[in-house]
Amino acid sequence: LLENGELVAIIGGCTSSGPGDGCTTTAAGAGNHGPSTDFERTVEIFDYSVPPGSASFSVASSGLVVPRAFHQTTAIQSAANDLLVVTGGNNSIGTICDVEVFRVESGALRRVDEANLAGFPEGRCPTRHAAVAIDGERLAAIGGQTQAPTCEPLGTGTADGFILSITIGFEQAPSLQLYQGL
């Protein structure tokens, strides 16, 4: 939810032409037809501040640079503008380390140049992780899986937790470790 709770954004994912394509809640395109390249770049916005019956979806003018599924999109509400920060996920190549940022301006999303933001450290790029805003400048990305060789997140989950600053990106060492029991 963005801009006074009146906008909802749907970002990325995968598409399927049938059950054999492997675009499910547990896999993104590793179905009967081989790895899919049908990963979405689109960013859709639903504005429900308009009168009932006239609300609709619109496609943002700038979509994802890297199509992905099983990522997290976190709203950071700063004093200047609301930001949407897209972290992690996977596609047909594997897990994704980079960060993509969008700024909310008058009901529309505009891409922010994130060239100076550090992504996740190589080998620690999560898919199916959790991400939560800490304050108006930072978010925490926690857990997930760090392998997705055939579009399907695999392996045991990671206990890593990373902090992202919207000015510098992710710290390159885990900022916290999740408790994994005895």
C-alpha atoms as a PDB file:
ATOM      1  CA  LEU A   1       0.000   0.000   0.000  1.00  0.00           C
ATOM      2  CA  LEU A   2       1.301   3.399  -0.966  1.00  0.00           C
ATOM      3  CA  GLU A   3       0.399   7.066  -0.946  1.00  0.00           C
ATOM      4  CA  ASN A   4      -1.982   7.272   2.003  1.00  0.00           C
ATOM      5  CA  GLY A   5      -2.978   3.641   1.587  1.00  0.00           C
ATOM      6  CA  GLU A   6      -4.798   4.299  -1.677  1.00  0.00           C
ATOM      7  CA  LEU A   7      -2.465   2.552  -4.138  1.00  0.00           C
ATOM      8  CA  VAL A   8      -1.574  -1.125  -4.407  1.00  0.00           C
ATOM      9  CA  ALA A   9       1.362  -2.250  -6.573  1.00  0.00           C
ATOM     10  CA  ILE A  10       1.786  -5.696  -8.132  1.00  0.00           C
ATOM     11  CA  ILE A  11       5.347  -6.247  -9.295  1.00  0.00           C
ATOM     12  CA  GLY A  12       6.941  -9.084 -11.277  1.00  0.00           C
ATOM     13  CA  GLY A  13       6.103 -12.779 -10.962  1.00  0.00           C
ATOM     14  CA  CYS A  14       5.747 -15.392 -13.661  1.00  0.00           C
ATOM     15  CA  THR A  15       3.053 -16.233 -16.190  1.00  0.00           C
ATOM     16  CA  SER A  16       1.737 -19.580 -17.280  1.00  0.00           C
ATOM     17  CA  SER A  17      -0.179 -20.894 -20.233  1.00  0.00           C
ATOM     18  CA  GLY A  18      -1.151 -24.044 -18.343  1.00  0.00           C
ATOM     19  CA  PRO A  19      -0.360 -26.315 -15.417  1.00  0.00           C
ATOM     20  CA  GLY A  20       2.634 -27.867 -17.200  1.00  0.00           C
ATOM     21  CA  ASP A  21       4.530 -24.572 -17.344  1.00  0.00           C
ATOM     22  CA  GLY A  22       5.626 -24.745 -13.736  1.00  0.00           C
ATOM     23  CA  CYS A  23       4.533 -21.262 -12.734  1.00  0.00           C
ATOM     24  CA  THR A  24       3.191 -22.230  -9.326  1.00  0.00           C
ATOM     25  CA  THR A  25       3.454 -21.124  -5.721  1.00  0.00           C
ATOM     26  CA  THR A  26       6.594 -23.261  -5.341  1.00  0.00           C
ATOM     27  CA  ALA A  27       8.316 -23.013  -8.744  1.00  0.00           C
ATOM     28  CA  ALA A  28       8.679 -20.362 -11.399  1.00  0.00           C
ATOM     29  CA  GLY A  29       8.857 -21.965 -14.786  1.00  0.00           C
ATOM     30  CA  ALA A  30      10.591 -25.301 -14.295  1.00  0.00           C
ATOM     31  CA  GLY A  31       7.672 -27.288 -15.689  1.00  0.00           C
ATOM     32  CA  ASN A  32       7.162 -29.907 -18.375  1.00  0.00           C
ATOM     33  CA  HIS A  33       8.225 -27.529 -21.133  1.00  0.00           C
ATOM     34  CA  GLY A  34      11.640 -26.762 -19.594  1.00  0.00           C
ATOM     35  CA  PRO A  35      12.667 -23.578 -17.841  1.00  0.00           C
ATOM     36  CA  SER A  36      10.347 -20.723 -18.668  1.00  0.00           C
ATOM     37  CA  THR A  37      11.447 -17.274 -19.678  1.00  0.00           C
ATOM     38  CA  ASP A  38       7.987 -15.918 -18.902  1.00  0.00           C
ATOM     39  CA  PHE A  39       9.090 -13.874 -15.915  1.00  0.00           C
ATOM     40  CA  GLU A  40       7.284 -10.589 -15.580  1.00  0.00           C
ATOM     41  CA  ARG A  41       8.865  -7.136 -15.800  1.00  0.00           C
ATOM     42  CA  THR A  42       5.543  -5.354 -15.388  1.00  0.00           C
ATOM     43  CA  VAL A  43       4.608  -3.090 -12.527  1.00  0.00           C
ATOM     44  CA  GLU A  44       0.858  -2.684 -12.152  1.00  0.00           C
ATOM     45  CA  ILE A  45      -0.863  -0.133  -9.949  1.00  0.00           C
ATOM     46  CA  PHE A  46      -4.374  -0.341  -8.578  1.00  0.00           C
ATOM     47  CA  ASP A  47      -5.808   2.970  -7.350  1.00  0.00           C
ATOM     48  CA  TYR A  48      -8.796   2.417  -5.104  1.00  0.00           C
ATOM     49  CA  SER A  49      -9.166   6.041  -4.024  1.00  0.00           C
ATOM     50  CA  VAL A  50     -11.511   6.634  -6.955  1.00  0.00           C
ATOM     51  CA  PRO A  51     -15.289   6.130  -6.678  1.00  0.00           C
ATOM     52  CA  PRO A  52     -16.530   2.516  -6.522  1.00  0.00           C
ATOM     53  CA  GLY A  53     -16.835   0.919  -9.930  1.00  0.00           C
ATOM     54  CA  SER A  54     -14.257   3.174 -11.586  1.00  0.00           C
ATOM     55  CA  ALA A  55     -11.089   1.740 -10.019  1.00  0.00           C
ATOM     56  CA  SER A  56      -8.791  -0.108 -12.390  1.00  0.00           C
ATOM     57  CA  PHE A  57      -5.267  -1.392 -12.914  1.00  0.00           C
ATOM     58  CA  SER A  58      -2.714   0.621 -14.846  1.00  0.00           C
ATOM     59  CA  VAL A  59       0.735  -0.433 -15.983  1.00  0.00           C
ATOM     60  CA  ALA A  60       3.595   1.774 -14.797  1.00  0.00           C
ATOM     61  CA  SER A  61       5.680   3.376 -17.530  1.00  0.00           C
ATOM     62  CA  SER A  62       8.861   1.786 -16.183  1.00  0.00           C
ATOM     63  CA  GLY A  63       8.937  -1.856 -15.198  1.00  0.00           C
ATOM     64  CA  LEU A  64      11.547  -4.114 -13.671  1.00  0.00           C
ATOM     65  CA  VAL A  65      14.970  -4.191 -15.307  1.00  0.00           C
ATOM     66  CA  VAL A  66      15.422  -7.794 -14.174  1.00  0.00           C
ATOM     67  CA  PRO A  67      12.261  -9.957 -14.406  1.00  0.00           C
ATOM     68  CA  ARG A  68      11.781 -12.049 -11.287  1.00  0.00           C
ATOM     69  CA  ALA A  69       9.528 -14.162  -9.080  1.00  0.00           C
ATOM     70  CA  PHE A  70       9.671 -15.012  -5.351  1.00  0.00           C
ATOM     71  CA  HIS A  71      11.059 -11.534  -4.591  1.00  0.00           C
ATOM     72  CA  GLN A  72       9.933  -9.032  -1.990  1.00  0.00           C
ATOM     73  CA  THR A  73       8.645  -5.530  -2.572  1.00  0.00           C
ATOM     74  CA  THR A  74       8.788  -3.320   0.481  1.00  0.00           C
ATOM     75  CA  ALA A  75       7.199   0.117   0.874  1.00  0.00           C
ATOM     76  CA  ILE A  76       9.450   2.615   2.629  1.00  0.00           C
ATOM     77  CA  GLN A  77       7.610   5.741   3.617  1.00  0.00           C
ATOM     78  CA  SER A  78      10.133   8.549   3.838  1.00  0.00           C
ATOM     79  CA  ALA A  79       9.535  12.209   4.456  1.00  0.00           C
ATOM     80  CA  ALA A  80      10.247  13.066   0.818  1.00  0.00           C
ATOM     81  CA  ASN A  81       8.358  10.326  -1.049  1.00  0.00           C
ATOM     82  CA  ASP A  82       7.122   6.794  -0.694  1.00  0.00           C
ATOM     83  CA  LEU A  83       9.550   4.287  -2.184  1.00  0.00           C
ATOM     84  CA  LEU A  84       9.044   0.716  -3.342  1.00  0.00           C
ATOM     85  CA  VAL A  85      12.173  -1.395  -2.987  1.00  0.00           C
ATOM     86  CA  VAL A  86      12.337  -4.720  -4.864  1.00  0.00           C
ATOM     87  CA  THR A  87      14.854  -7.206  -3.429  1.00  0.00           C
ATOM     88  CA  GLY A  88      16.035 -10.701  -4.315  1.00  0.00           C
ATOM     89  CA  GLY A  89      13.954 -13.360  -6.016  1.00  0.00           C
ATOM     90  CA  ASN A  90      14.889 -15.637  -8.868  1.00  0.00           C
ATOM     91  CA  ASN A  91      14.436 -16.154 -12.596  1.00  0.00           C
ATOM     92  CA  SER A  92      15.638 -18.709 -15.155  1.00  0.00           C
ATOM     93  CA  ILE A  93      19.279 -17.775 -14.462  1.00  0.00           C
ATOM     94  CA  GLY A  94      19.090 -18.305 -10.679  1.00  0.00           C
ATOM     95  CA  THR A  95      18.828 -16.042  -7.659  1.00  0.00           C
ATOM     96  CA  ILE A  96      18.960 -12.263  -8.120  1.00  0.00           C
ATOM     97  CA  CYS A  97      21.312 -10.068  -6.095  1.00  0.00           C
ATOM     98  CA  ASP A  98      20.324  -6.587  -7.262  1.00  0.00           C
ATOM     99  CA  VAL A  99      17.909  -4.010  -5.883  1.00  0.00           C
ATOM    100  CA  GLU A 100      15.337  -2.032  -7.876  1.00  0.00           C
ATOM    101  CA  VAL A 101      13.725   1.132  -6.505  1.00  0.00           C
ATOM    102  CA  PHE A 102      10.604   3.036  -7.558  1.00  0.00           C
ATOM    103  CA  ARG A 103       9.396   6.410  -6.262  1.00  0.00           C
ATOM    104  CA  VAL A 104       5.695   7.168  -5.884  1.00  0.00           C
ATOM    105  CA  GLU A 105       4.758  10.504  -7.464  1.00  0.00           C
ATOM    106  CA  SER A 106       1.139  11.623  -7.840  1.00  0.00           C
ATOM    107  CA  GLY A 107      -0.272   8.118  -8.127  1.00  0.00           C
ATOM    108  CA  ALA A 108       2.439   6.889 -10.517  1.00  0.00           C
ATOM    109  CA  LEU A 109       5.649   4.924 -10.043  1.00  0.00           C
ATOM    110  CA  ARG A 110       8.916   6.253 -11.464  1.00  0.00           C
ATOM    111  CA  ARG A 111      12.173   4.309 -11.545  1.00  0.00           C
ATOM    112  CA  VAL A 112      14.950   5.616  -9.292  1.00  0.00           C
ATOM    113  CA  ASP A 113      18.544   5.233 -10.495  1.00  0.00           C
ATOM    114  CA  GLU A 114      19.876   2.528  -8.209  1.00  0.00           C
ATOM    115  CA  ALA A 115      23.291   2.205  -9.885  1.00  0.00           C
ATOM    116  CA  ASN A 116      25.034   3.232  -6.650  1.00  0.00           C
ATOM    117  CA  LEU A 117      23.131   0.779  -4.445  1.00  0.00           C
ATOM    118  CA  ALA A 118      25.008  -2.351  -3.431  1.00  0.00           C
ATOM    119  CA  GLY A 119      23.013  -5.545  -3.968  1.00  0.00           C
ATOM    120  CA  PHE A 120      23.220  -8.690  -1.880  1.00  0.00           C
ATOM    121  CA  PRO A 121      26.697 -10.254  -1.614  1.00  0.00           C
ATOM    122  CA  GLU A 122      27.307 -12.918  -4.287  1.00  0.00           C
ATOM    123  CA  GLY A 123      26.197 -16.356  -3.096  1.00  0.00           C
ATOM    124  CA  ARG A 124      23.859 -14.850  -0.504  1.00  0.00           C
ATOM    125  CA  CYS A 125      21.108 -13.551  -2.793  1.00  0.00           C
ATOM    126  CA  PRO A 126      17.794 -14.675  -1.298  1.00  0.00           C
ATOM    127  CA  THR A 127      14.618 -15.878  -2.912  1.00  0.00           C
ATOM    128  CA  ARG A 128      11.399 -16.438  -0.922  1.00  0.00           C
ATOM    129  CA  HIS A 129      12.738 -14.206   1.850  1.00  0.00           C
ATOM    130  CA  ALA A 130      11.032 -11.697   4.118  1.00  0.00           C
ATOM    131  CA  ALA A 131      11.625  -7.950   3.950  1.00  0.00           C
ATOM    132  CA  VAL A 132      10.281  -5.269   6.251  1.00  0.00           C
ATOM    133  CA  ALA A 133      10.767  -1.500   6.464  1.00  0.00           C
ATOM    134  CA  ILE A 134      12.677  -0.425   9.561  1.00  0.00           C
ATOM    135  CA  ASP A 135      12.254   3.324   9.123  1.00  0.00           C
ATOM    136  CA  GLY A 136      12.106   5.921   6.315  1.00  0.00           C
ATOM    137  CA  GLU A 137      15.564   4.962   5.004  1.00  0.00           C
ATOM    138  CA  ARG A 138      16.189   1.284   5.747  1.00  0.00           C
ATOM    139  CA  LEU A 139      14.743  -2.200   5.391  1.00  0.00           C
ATOM    140  CA  ALA A 140      15.714  -5.617   6.694  1.00  0.00           C
ATOM    141  CA  ALA A 141      15.816  -8.644   4.352  1.00  0.00           C
ATOM    142  CA  ILE A 142      15.684 -11.858   6.348  1.00  0.00           C
ATOM    143  CA  GLY A 143      16.064 -15.549   5.556  1.00  0.00           C
ATOM    144  CA  GLY A 144      14.983 -17.205   2.335  1.00  0.00           C
ATOM    145  CA  GLN A 145      16.799 -19.649   0.124  1.00  0.00           C
ATOM    146  CA  THR A 146      19.970 -18.843  -1.821  1.00  0.00           C
ATOM    147  CA  GLN A 147      19.739 -21.415  -4.620  1.00  0.00           C
ATOM    148  CA  ALA A 148      17.367 -21.613  -7.584  1.00  0.00           C
ATOM    149  CA  PRO A 149      19.248 -23.362 -10.391  1.00  0.00           C
ATOM    150  CA  THR A 150      16.148 -24.540 -12.299  1.00  0.00           C
ATOM    151  CA  CYS A 151      13.808 -21.654 -11.436  1.00  0.00           C
ATOM    152  CA  GLU A 152      12.731 -23.445  -8.277  1.00  0.00           C
ATOM    153  CA  PRO A 153      14.064 -22.213  -4.922  1.00  0.00           C
ATOM    154  CA  LEU A 154      16.002 -25.102  -3.362  1.00  0.00           C
ATOM    155  CA  GLY A 155      18.029 -26.045  -0.344  1.00  0.00           C
ATOM    156  CA  THR A 156      17.822 -25.191   3.272  1.00  0.00           C
ATOM    157  CA  GLY A 157      16.923 -21.675   4.234  1.00  0.00           C
ATOM    158  CA  THR A 158      19.547 -19.157   5.240  1.00  0.00           C
ATOM    159  CA  ALA A 159      19.732 -17.589   8.677  1.00  0.00           C
ATOM    160  CA  ASP A 160      21.225 -14.396   7.225  1.00  0.00           C
ATOM    161  CA  GLY A 161      19.639 -11.017   7.721  1.00  0.00           C
ATOM    162  CA  PHE A 162      20.813  -7.951   5.794  1.00  0.00           C
ATOM    163  CA  ILE A 163      20.080  -4.256   6.252  1.00  0.00           C
ATOM    164  CA  LEU A 164      19.560  -2.086   3.164  1.00  0.00           C
ATOM    165  CA  SER A 165      19.970   1.677   3.254  1.00  0.00           C
ATOM    166  CA  ILE A 166      18.252   3.544   0.409  1.00  0.00           C
ATOM    167  CA  THR A 167      21.424   5.621   0.013  1.00  0.00           C
ATOM    168  CA  ILE A 168      24.132   2.905  -0.085  1.00  0.00           C
ATOM    169  CA  GLY A 169      22.397  -0.451  -0.584  1.00  0.00           C
ATOM    170  CA  PHE A 170      22.950  -3.682   1.317  1.00  0.00           C
ATOM    171  CA  GLU A 171      25.699  -4.114   3.866  1.00  0.00           C
ATOM    172  CA  GLN A 172      28.010  -6.787   2.494  1.00  0.00           C
ATOM    173  CA  ALA A 173      28.085  -8.906   5.641  1.00  0.00           C
ATOM    174  CA  PRO A 174      24.989 -10.219   7.411  1.00  0.00           C
ATOM    175  CA  SER A 175      23.750  -7.726   9.980  1.00  0.00           C
ATOM    176  CA  LEU A 176      22.013 -10.410  12.017  1.00  0.00           C
ATOM    177  CA  GLN A 177      21.584 -14.153  12.216  1.00  0.00           C
ATOM    178  CA  LEU A 178      18.261 -15.871  12.822  1.00  0.00           C
ATOM    179  CA  TYR A 179      18.045 -18.323  15.698  1.00  0.00           C
ATOM    180  CA  GLN A 180      17.920 -21.858  14.285  1.00  0.00           C
ATOM    181  CA  GLY A 181      17.299 -23.843  17.442  1.00  0.00           C
ATOM    182  CA  LEU A 182      19.428 -26.474  19.075  1.00  0.00           C
END
